[in-house]
Amino acid sequence: MPVPEPYGSELQDWRRSFGDPLADAIPSHITLIPPTEVKDGEDGQYAQVREHLESVAAQFPPFRVHLRGTATFMPVSPVVFVALSEGISACERLSMAIRTGPLSLELSFPYHPHVTVAHYLSDEAMKTAFKTLAGYEAVFDVHAFSLYEHGDDGFWRRERDFKLTAEGEFMTARPGGEARLKAAQRLAGGDAPPPNGPSR
């Protein structure tokens, strides 16, 4: 799910500034399903996946996402990310619906929507990313999710969008979203530092 402009490029620029070599190869996004190999050809699996995604999109109305502050998956995984304080439940439901049919799979870890800003960097760089974006905020409405393809050059490219077309009001975040955000931040070894970075 692409992070719209100007926030997408802004977070990509920050990721680049922290020294993450993947900053240019991975557009800012909220993952709904992990990288999954899909075969093309006679069995038509790729066509089935596109039809499946169109069907899922038709079942969901647009919803609002509020990005707020940083958290980390360390020590389980060396990732610093910008967290969601609104839109968590909608992302979870969308992810569950996508992980059916031709994209049915078991996750290695519980699904947790986020926007990665540092991955596999030095401890110092990870701390810098965590502190710099601790006060970051962005609010936007999600009207579609996208299919990305991983090129031979290592770059992820947005191949097709799937519009959320179900009727209805914006989905609201699941009660307790703020508590979940604080819990994730505590995984980093304490509450997030006071806001001292960029914000919107």
Protein backbone atom coordinates (compact mmCIF):
# COMPACT_ATOMS: atom_id res chain seq x y z
CA MET A 1 0.00 0.00 0.00
CA PRO A 2 1.95 3.05 -1.23
CA VAL A 3 2.42 6.01 1.08
CA PRO A 4 1.14 8.99 -0.96
CA GLU A 5 3.05 12.16 -1.71
CA PRO A 6 4.55 14.18 -0.25
CA TYR A 7 5.00 11.68 2.58
CA GLY A 8 6.23 8.80 0.41
CA SER A 9 9.24 10.65 -0.99
CA GLU A 10 9.83 12.35 2.34
CA LEU A 11 10.18 9.04 4.19
CA GLN A 12 12.27 7.59 1.37
CA ASP A 13 14.61 10.60 1.64
CA TRP A 14 14.92 10.05 5.39
CA ARG A 15 15.65 6.35 4.85
CA ARG A 16 18.38 7.31 2.39
CA SER A 17 19.84 9.81 4.87
CA PHE A 18 20.21 7.05 7.49
CA GLY A 19 22.44 5.16 5.04
CA ASP A 20 19.97 2.44 4.10
CA PRO A 21 21.09 1.05 0.71
CA LEU A 22 17.52 -0.16 0.00
CA ALA A 23 16.07 3.37 0.14
CA ASP A 24 16.07 3.82 -3.64
CA ALA A 25 14.93 0.27 -4.40
CA ILE A 26 11.89 0.19 -2.12
CA PRO A 27 9.22 2.93 -2.33
CA SER A 28 7.63 3.93 1.00
CA HIS A 29 4.75 1.56 1.67
CA ILE A 30 2.71 -0.42 4.17
CA THR A 31 3.07 -4.12 3.40
CA LEU A 32 -0.17 -6.10 3.17
CA ILE A 33 1.43 -9.41 2.14
CA PRO A 34 5.14 -10.32 2.23
CA PRO A 35 7.10 -10.85 -0.99
CA THR A 36 5.52 -13.86 -2.69
CA GLU A 37 6.67 -15.72 -5.79
CA VAL A 38 3.91 -15.99 -8.39
CA LYS A 39 4.32 -18.15 -11.47
CA ASP A 40 3.21 -16.85 -14.83
CA GLY A 41 2.51 -18.88 -17.93
CA GLU A 42 0.17 -21.68 -18.85
CA ASP A 43 -1.38 -22.15 -15.42
CA GLY A 44 -2.41 -18.49 -15.39
CA GLN A 45 -1.51 -18.01 -11.72
CA TYR A 46 -0.57 -14.37 -12.24
CA ALA A 47 -3.94 -13.67 -13.86
CA GLN A 48 -5.65 -15.45 -10.97
CA VAL A 49 -3.80 -13.25 -8.49
CA ARG A 50 -4.88 -10.07 -10.27
CA GLU A 51 -8.50 -11.25 -10.34
CA HIS A 52 -8.28 -12.15 -6.65
CA LEU A 53 -6.93 -8.71 -5.75
CA GLU A 54 -9.67 -7.00 -7.76
CA SER A 55 -12.26 -9.07 -5.89
CA VAL A 56 -10.75 -8.18 -2.50
CA ALA A 57 -10.58 -4.47 -3.32
CA ALA A 58 -14.26 -4.47 -4.27
CA GLN A 59 -15.15 -5.64 -0.75
CA PHE A 60 -13.43 -2.81 1.13
CA PRO A 61 -14.22 0.90 1.48
CA PRO A 62 -11.49 3.55 1.65
CA PHE A 63 -10.03 4.20 5.10
CA ARG A 64 -7.78 6.64 6.92
CA VAL A 65 -4.19 6.05 8.03
CA HIS A 66 -2.41 8.11 10.66
CA LEU A 67 1.35 7.57 10.84
CA ARG A 68 2.76 8.61 14.17
CA GLY A 69 6.15 8.17 15.81
CA THR A 70 8.68 5.36 15.58
CA ALA A 71 9.01 1.83 16.94
CA THR A 72 11.19 -1.18 16.23
CA PHE A 73 11.09 -4.95 15.85
CA MET A 74 14.51 -5.34 17.50
CA PRO A 75 15.89 -7.63 18.80
CA VAL A 76 13.70 -10.04 16.80
CA SER A 77 14.33 -8.19 13.53
CA PRO A 78 16.67 -5.21 12.86
CA VAL A 79 13.99 -2.82 11.66
CA VAL A 80 13.02 0.71 12.70
CA PHE A 81 9.67 1.87 11.39
CA VAL A 82 7.10 4.63 11.50
CA ALA A 83 4.06 3.24 13.30
CA LEU A 84 0.32 3.51 12.65
CA SER A 85 -1.95 4.99 15.29
CA GLU A 86 -5.01 4.82 13.02
CA GLY A 87 -5.85 2.38 10.25
CA ILE A 88 -4.37 -0.71 11.94
CA SER A 89 -7.60 -2.69 11.95
CA ALA A 90 -8.39 -1.85 8.31
CA CYS A 91 -4.90 -2.97 7.23
CA GLU A 92 -5.25 -6.19 9.23
CA ARG A 93 -8.59 -7.02 7.63
CA LEU A 94 -7.30 -6.22 4.17
CA SER A 95 -4.19 -8.33 4.70
CA MET A 96 -6.26 -11.29 5.91
CA ALA A 97 -8.56 -11.05 2.89
CA ILE A 98 -5.61 -10.92 0.48
CA ARG A 99 -3.97 -13.96 2.10
CA THR A 100 -6.66 -16.29 0.73
CA GLY A 101 -7.23 -18.12 -2.53
CA PRO A 102 -4.20 -18.00 -4.85
CA LEU A 103 -2.27 -15.98 -2.25
CA SER A 104 -3.03 -18.20 0.74
CA LEU A 105 0.02 -18.42 3.00
CA GLU A 106 1.11 -18.64 6.62
CA LEU A 107 3.04 -15.70 8.03
CA SER A 108 6.34 -16.21 9.84
CA PHE A 109 5.43 -13.42 12.27
CA PRO A 110 2.12 -11.83 13.31
CA TYR A 111 1.02 -9.16 10.84
CA HIS A 112 1.86 -5.63 12.01
CA PRO A 113 1.33 -2.74 9.55
CA HIS A 114 4.19 -0.22 9.48
CA VAL A 115 6.46 1.85 7.22
CA THR A 116 10.11 0.76 7.35
CA VAL A 117 12.67 3.59 7.57
CA ALA A 118 15.82 1.62 8.50
CA HIS A 119 16.72 -2.03 7.94
CA TYR A 120 19.89 -3.99 8.77
CA LEU A 121 21.96 -0.91 9.60
CA SER A 122 24.49 -0.30 12.37
CA ASP A 123 23.19 0.14 15.91
CA GLU A 124 24.07 3.83 15.75
CA ALA A 125 22.20 4.36 12.49
CA MET A 126 19.17 2.51 13.86
CA LYS A 127 19.15 4.70 16.97
CA THR A 128 19.46 7.81 14.81
CA ALA A 129 16.48 6.76 12.69
CA PHE A 130 14.42 5.99 15.79
CA LYS A 131 15.13 9.35 17.43
CA THR A 132 15.00 11.50 14.29
CA LEU A 133 11.50 10.43 13.28
CA ALA A 134 10.09 10.05 16.79
CA GLY A 135 7.89 13.10 16.23
CA TYR A 136 6.89 12.26 12.67
CA GLU A 137 3.19 12.42 11.76
CA ALA A 138 1.25 12.07 8.54
CA VAL A 139 -2.45 11.52 7.87
CA PHE A 140 -3.85 10.33 4.56
CA ASP A 141 -6.80 8.44 3.10
CA VAL A 142 -6.25 5.10 1.41
CA HIS A 143 -8.31 4.61 -1.75
CA ALA A 144 -6.36 1.72 -3.27
CA PHE A 145 -3.63 -0.83 -2.71
CA SER A 146 -1.01 -1.83 -5.27
CA LEU A 147 0.74 -4.82 -6.76
CA TYR A 148 4.52 -4.42 -6.87
CA GLU A 149 6.95 -6.46 -8.95
CA HIS A 150 10.55 -7.16 -7.96
CA GLY A 151 12.83 -6.52 -10.93
CA ASP A 152 16.06 -8.31 -11.80
CA ASP A 153 17.84 -5.10 -10.80
CA GLY A 154 16.54 -5.40 -7.23
CA PHE A 155 14.04 -2.55 -7.53
CA TRP A 156 10.38 -2.87 -6.57
CA ARG A 157 8.04 -1.27 -9.09
CA ARG A 158 4.35 -0.48 -8.78
CA GLU A 159 2.68 -2.54 -11.49
CA ARG A 160 -1.05 -2.06 -10.87
CA ASP A 161 -3.46 -0.39 -8.47
CA PHE A 162 -6.65 -1.92 -7.06
CA LYS A 163 -9.25 0.63 -6.00
CA LEU A 164 -11.21 0.12 -2.81
CA THR A 165 -14.77 0.44 -4.11
CA ALA A 166 -17.13 -0.91 -1.44
CA GLU A 167 -19.63 1.64 -0.18
CA GLY A 168 -19.38 2.86 3.39
CA GLU A 169 -17.72 5.35 5.68
CA PHE A 170 -14.04 5.31 6.55
CA MET A 171 -13.16 2.35 8.71
CA THR A 172 -12.07 3.41 12.16
CA ALA A 173 -9.00 2.12 13.90
CA ARG A 174 -9.52 -0.76 16.28
CA PRO A 175 -9.97 0.40 19.90
CA GLY A 176 -6.66 0.21 21.68
CA GLY A 177 -4.56 1.37 18.74
CA GLU A 178 -2.75 3.93 20.88
CA ALA A 179 -1.97 1.30 23.52
CA ARG A 180 -0.57 -1.01 20.85
CA LEU A 181 1.62 1.79 19.52
CA LYS A 182 3.04 2.49 22.99
CA ALA A 183 3.66 -1.21 23.55
CA ALA A 184 5.60 -1.43 20.29
CA GLN A 185 7.65 1.60 21.26
CA ARG A 186 8.50 0.03 24.62
CA LEU A 187 10.10 -2.87 22.73
CA ALA A 188 12.85 -0.42 21.85
CA GLY A 189 13.85 -0.20 25.52
CA GLY A 190 11.55 2.50 26.79
CA ASP A 191 9.05 5.07 25.68
CA ALA A 192 9.82 6.93 22.49
CA PRO A 193 11.99 10.05 22.90
CA PRO A 194 10.17 13.40 23.01
CA PRO A 195 9.29 14.65 19.54
CA ASN A 196 12.34 16.42 18.15
CA GLY A 197 12.25 15.39 14.52
CA PRO A 198 10.24 16.44 11.50
CA SER A 199 6.47 16.31 11.71
CA ARG A 200 3.50 16.93 9.53
